[in-house]
Amino acid sequence: MSSDLGTLDAPPAQRARTPGWRDPRLWLGVALVAASVLVGARLVGGADDTVEVWSAGGDLAAGQPVTEGDLVARRVRFAEAVDVDRYLRVGDPLPDDATLTRAVGDGELLPSGALGSAEEGLTEVPIWAPAEVIPASVEPGSLVDVWVTPTPGGGASAKGSVLVLDDVLVIAVPRGEDSFGPGGSRQVLVGVADGAAPEVGQALAAAKDDRVVITRQG
């Protein structure tokens, strides 16, 4: 048998080729990388859009003094820059005498327009009551209720007592001889919102007969 029959030609070696620019797999890979970069950029950019603002840590009443202890910081994303300016940012200083001009509910963002000074938007009314029915803890900034009793010397829980001024802000509690009236009554200066004229008149009339009782909130 010829020796040529025992010799077989080996097939040429197959070498890996670099994908050309027309290879669809190359463009698929590029598209996936570009999509990943775009999504990551949007996530990072979205995180930067949040602004830290103050919200109420509980129900806050109109006329109530506000401190940072009454508030909770929240991160919020606003659609428009003008919306951000409507609220108090955590980085903005809170006025020392900041007082609410309207009620703010628990968890509600604190509007910048809801803050004023203790006297802003309130009418000062001097309320006279027997010294023994004015809590010793009443001081400027306190929230008090003013009751009218059917008879002199009655307490707020007496039958027939009427709440005439609810959650009003104490602006001042005069000290010294000038704070005492006839019969040992004392004066408490409160801030009353517009529209409470009938209730104020009722309280002032009852004060002449020592039928006013003041109770403190909290």
Protein backbone atom coordinates (compact mmCIF):
# COMPACT_ATOMS: atom_id res chain seq x y z
CA MET A 1 0.00 0.00 0.00
CA SER A 2 1.34 3.46 -0.91
CA SER A 3 2.69 5.57 1.91
CA ASP A 4 0.71 8.51 0.52
CA LEU A 5 -2.47 6.90 1.80
CA GLY A 6 -1.27 7.15 5.40
CA THR A 7 -0.78 10.89 5.17
CA LEU A 8 -3.86 13.05 5.68
CA ASP A 9 -3.96 16.80 5.25
CA ALA A 10 -4.87 18.58 8.56
CA PRO A 11 -7.75 21.11 8.29
CA PRO A 12 -6.73 24.74 8.61
CA ALA A 13 -6.90 26.16 12.21
CA GLN A 14 -9.89 28.39 13.00
CA ARG A 15 -8.83 31.67 14.59
CA ALA A 16 -11.15 33.84 16.66
CA ARG A 17 -11.89 37.08 14.86
CA THR A 18 -12.62 40.42 16.46
CA PRO A 19 -16.30 41.31 15.83
CA GLY A 20 -16.60 43.91 13.14
CA TRP A 21 -18.60 47.09 13.46
CA ARG A 22 -21.40 45.44 11.51
CA ASP A 23 -21.75 42.68 14.11
CA PRO A 24 -25.18 43.13 15.82
CA ARG A 25 -23.77 41.73 19.06
CA LEU A 26 -21.39 44.69 19.30
CA TRP A 27 -24.19 47.23 19.00
CA LEU A 28 -26.34 45.32 21.49
CA GLY A 29 -23.53 45.54 24.05
CA VAL A 30 -23.06 49.26 23.41
CA ALA A 31 -26.80 49.85 23.85
CA LEU A 32 -26.86 47.98 27.17
CA VAL A 33 -23.91 49.97 28.53
CA ALA A 34 -25.45 53.28 27.43
CA ALA A 35 -28.79 52.38 29.04
CA SER A 36 -27.07 51.49 32.33
CA VAL A 37 -25.20 54.82 32.38
CA LEU A 38 -28.40 56.75 31.65
CA VAL A 39 -30.40 55.01 34.39
CA GLY A 40 -27.60 55.57 36.92
CA ALA A 41 -27.37 59.25 36.02
CA ARG A 42 -31.11 59.70 36.50
CA LEU A 43 -31.05 57.99 39.88
CA VAL A 44 -28.19 60.15 41.11
CA GLY A 45 -29.76 63.30 39.70
CA GLY A 46 -33.13 62.45 41.26
CA ALA A 47 -31.58 62.06 44.69
CA ASP A 48 -30.15 65.58 44.41
CA ASP A 49 -33.63 67.02 43.73
CA THR A 50 -34.86 66.41 47.28
CA VAL A 51 -34.98 69.30 49.75
CA GLU A 52 -35.06 68.99 53.54
CA VAL A 53 -37.95 71.02 54.98
CA TRP A 54 -39.73 71.21 58.35
CA SER A 55 -43.01 69.46 59.04
CA ALA A 56 -45.21 69.49 62.12
CA GLY A 57 -44.33 66.83 64.70
CA GLY A 58 -47.93 66.92 65.96
CA ASP A 59 -51.07 69.05 65.74
CA LEU A 60 -50.04 72.69 66.20
CA ALA A 61 -52.67 75.31 67.06
CA ALA A 62 -52.96 78.85 65.76
CA GLY A 63 -51.15 81.27 68.05
CA GLN A 64 -48.83 78.57 69.38
CA PRO A 65 -45.11 79.41 69.70
CA VAL A 66 -42.99 77.12 67.53
CA THR A 67 -39.51 75.76 68.21
CA GLU A 68 -37.46 73.09 66.45
CA GLY A 69 -38.62 70.66 69.12
CA ASP A 70 -42.14 70.90 67.65
CA LEU A 71 -40.94 70.05 64.15
CA VAL A 72 -39.62 67.07 62.19
CA ALA A 73 -37.22 67.27 59.23
CA ARG A 74 -38.48 65.66 56.01
CA ARG A 75 -36.88 65.23 52.58
CA VAL A 76 -39.29 66.18 49.80
CA ARG A 77 -38.98 66.37 46.02
CA PHE A 78 -40.74 69.43 44.59
CA ALA A 79 -41.86 69.72 40.98
CA GLU A 80 -41.12 73.44 40.75
CA ALA A 81 -38.62 75.69 42.50
CA VAL A 82 -41.43 78.07 43.42
CA ASP A 83 -43.03 75.30 45.50
CA VAL A 84 -39.90 75.00 47.64
CA ASP A 85 -40.07 78.68 48.60
CA ARG A 86 -43.50 78.15 50.15
CA TYR A 87 -42.04 76.05 52.96
CA LEU A 88 -39.45 76.54 55.68
CA ARG A 89 -36.19 74.74 54.92
CA VAL A 90 -34.31 73.01 57.70
CA GLY A 91 -31.26 75.17 56.99
CA ASP A 92 -33.22 78.42 57.39
CA PRO A 93 -33.11 80.04 60.86
CA LEU A 94 -36.31 79.79 62.89
CA PRO A 95 -37.22 83.16 64.48
CA ASP A 96 -36.92 83.25 68.25
CA ASP A 97 -40.52 84.46 68.65
CA ALA A 98 -41.96 82.34 65.84
CA THR A 99 -45.69 81.87 66.33
CA LEU A 100 -48.26 80.14 64.13
CA THR A 101 -50.80 82.39 62.47
CA ARG A 102 -52.88 79.33 61.54
CA ALA A 103 -53.20 75.73 62.65
CA VAL A 104 -50.86 73.12 61.12
CA GLY A 105 -51.79 69.43 61.25
CA ASP A 106 -49.58 66.53 62.31
CA GLY A 107 -47.12 65.71 59.51
CA GLU A 108 -48.07 68.74 57.41
CA LEU A 109 -45.20 70.68 55.85
CA LEU A 110 -44.67 73.99 57.62
CA PRO A 111 -45.57 76.89 55.28
CA SER A 112 -43.35 79.95 55.58
CA GLY A 113 -46.49 82.11 55.52
CA ALA A 114 -47.86 80.40 58.63
CA LEU A 115 -45.16 81.92 60.83
CA GLY A 116 -45.38 85.35 62.42
CA SER A 117 -44.54 87.12 65.63
CA ALA A 118 -46.56 86.56 68.78
CA GLU A 119 -48.55 89.77 68.27
CA GLU A 120 -48.99 89.58 64.50
CA GLY A 121 -52.60 89.23 63.41
CA LEU A 122 -53.88 89.12 67.01
CA THR A 123 -55.80 91.63 69.11
CA GLU A 124 -54.47 92.10 72.63
CA VAL A 125 -57.18 91.66 75.24
CA PRO A 126 -56.67 92.05 79.00
CA ILE A 127 -58.56 89.35 80.88
CA TRP A 128 -59.10 89.76 84.62
CA ALA A 129 -59.69 86.75 86.85
CA PRO A 130 -59.29 85.91 90.56
CA ALA A 131 -55.64 85.09 91.25
CA GLU A 132 -56.54 81.67 92.64
CA VAL A 133 -58.08 80.53 89.32
CA ILE A 134 -55.03 81.47 87.23
CA PRO A 135 -52.48 78.63 87.11
CA ALA A 136 -49.06 79.64 88.40
CA SER A 137 -47.50 78.09 85.28
CA VAL A 138 -49.21 80.60 82.97
CA GLU A 139 -46.55 82.71 81.26
CA PRO A 140 -45.97 84.48 77.93
CA GLY A 141 -46.28 81.92 75.16
CA SER A 142 -48.68 79.67 77.07
CA LEU A 143 -51.94 78.54 75.46
CA VAL A 144 -54.94 79.00 77.72
CA ASP A 145 -58.71 78.53 77.70
CA VAL A 146 -60.96 81.22 79.14
CA TRP A 147 -64.14 80.03 80.84
CA VAL A 148 -67.17 81.94 82.12
CA THR A 149 -68.86 80.45 85.17
CA PRO A 150 -72.50 81.02 86.21
CA THR A 151 -71.52 82.20 89.69
CA PRO A 152 -68.47 83.99 91.15
CA GLY A 153 -65.74 81.69 92.41
CA GLY A 154 -66.86 78.66 90.41
CA GLY A 155 -64.32 76.44 88.65
CA ALA A 156 -64.19 75.58 84.98
CA SER A 157 -65.76 72.21 85.75
CA ALA A 158 -68.75 73.79 87.50
CA LYS A 159 -72.13 73.07 85.97
CA GLY A 160 -73.09 75.71 83.46
CA SER A 161 -69.53 76.90 82.76
CA VAL A 162 -68.99 78.02 79.17
CA LEU A 163 -65.74 77.97 77.18
CA VAL A 164 -65.61 81.38 75.49
CA LEU A 165 -61.99 81.58 74.30
CA ASP A 166 -60.26 78.38 73.18
CA ASP A 167 -56.47 77.99 72.85
CA VAL A 168 -55.61 81.68 73.02
CA LEU A 169 -52.01 82.83 73.26
CA VAL A 170 -50.76 84.54 76.42
CA ILE A 171 -48.82 87.63 75.35
CA ALA A 172 -47.97 88.95 78.83
CA VAL A 173 -48.63 88.31 82.49
CA PRO A 174 -48.04 91.64 84.23
CA ARG A 175 -46.31 91.47 87.58
CA GLY A 176 -46.32 93.85 90.51
CA GLU A 177 -49.06 96.01 91.95
CA ASP A 178 -50.34 97.14 88.55
CA SER A 179 -51.39 93.58 87.72
CA PHE A 180 -53.92 93.38 90.54
CA GLY A 181 -57.47 94.64 90.24
CA PRO A 182 -60.41 95.00 92.62
CA GLY A 183 -60.90 92.05 94.92
CA GLY A 184 -57.47 90.58 94.21
CA SER A 185 -58.11 89.84 90.55
CA ARG A 186 -55.09 89.54 88.26
CA GLN A 187 -54.62 90.46 84.62
CA VAL A 188 -53.55 88.14 81.84
CA LEU A 189 -52.98 89.72 78.42
CA VAL A 190 -54.06 87.35 75.65
CA GLY A 191 -53.96 87.54 71.84
CA VAL A 192 -57.32 86.94 70.20
CA ALA A 193 -57.87 86.36 66.47
CA ASP A 194 -60.20 88.58 64.47
CA GLY A 195 -63.82 87.51 64.57
CA ALA A 196 -63.93 86.67 68.28
CA ALA A 197 -65.49 89.97 69.38
CA PRO A 198 -68.67 88.38 70.87
CA GLU A 199 -66.66 85.95 72.98
CA VAL A 200 -64.31 88.71 74.11
CA GLY A 201 -67.26 90.84 75.18
CA GLN A 202 -68.68 87.90 77.14
CA ALA A 203 -65.38 87.36 78.93
CA LEU A 204 -64.93 91.04 79.78
CA ALA A 205 -68.47 91.28 81.14
CA ALA A 206 -68.00 88.18 83.29
CA ALA A 207 -64.67 89.49 84.61
CA LYS A 208 -66.50 92.32 86.40
CA ASP A 209 -68.28 89.70 88.54
CA ASP A 210 -65.25 87.43 89.08
CA ARG A 211 -66.86 84.79 86.87
CA VAL A 212 -63.79 84.13 84.72
CA VAL A 213 -61.55 81.05 85.07
CA ILE A 214 -58.36 80.54 83.08
CA THR A 215 -57.00 77.06 82.43
CA ARG A 216 -53.63 76.25 80.83
CA GLN A 217 -53.13 73.85 77.92
CA GLY A 218 -50.38 71.25 78.42
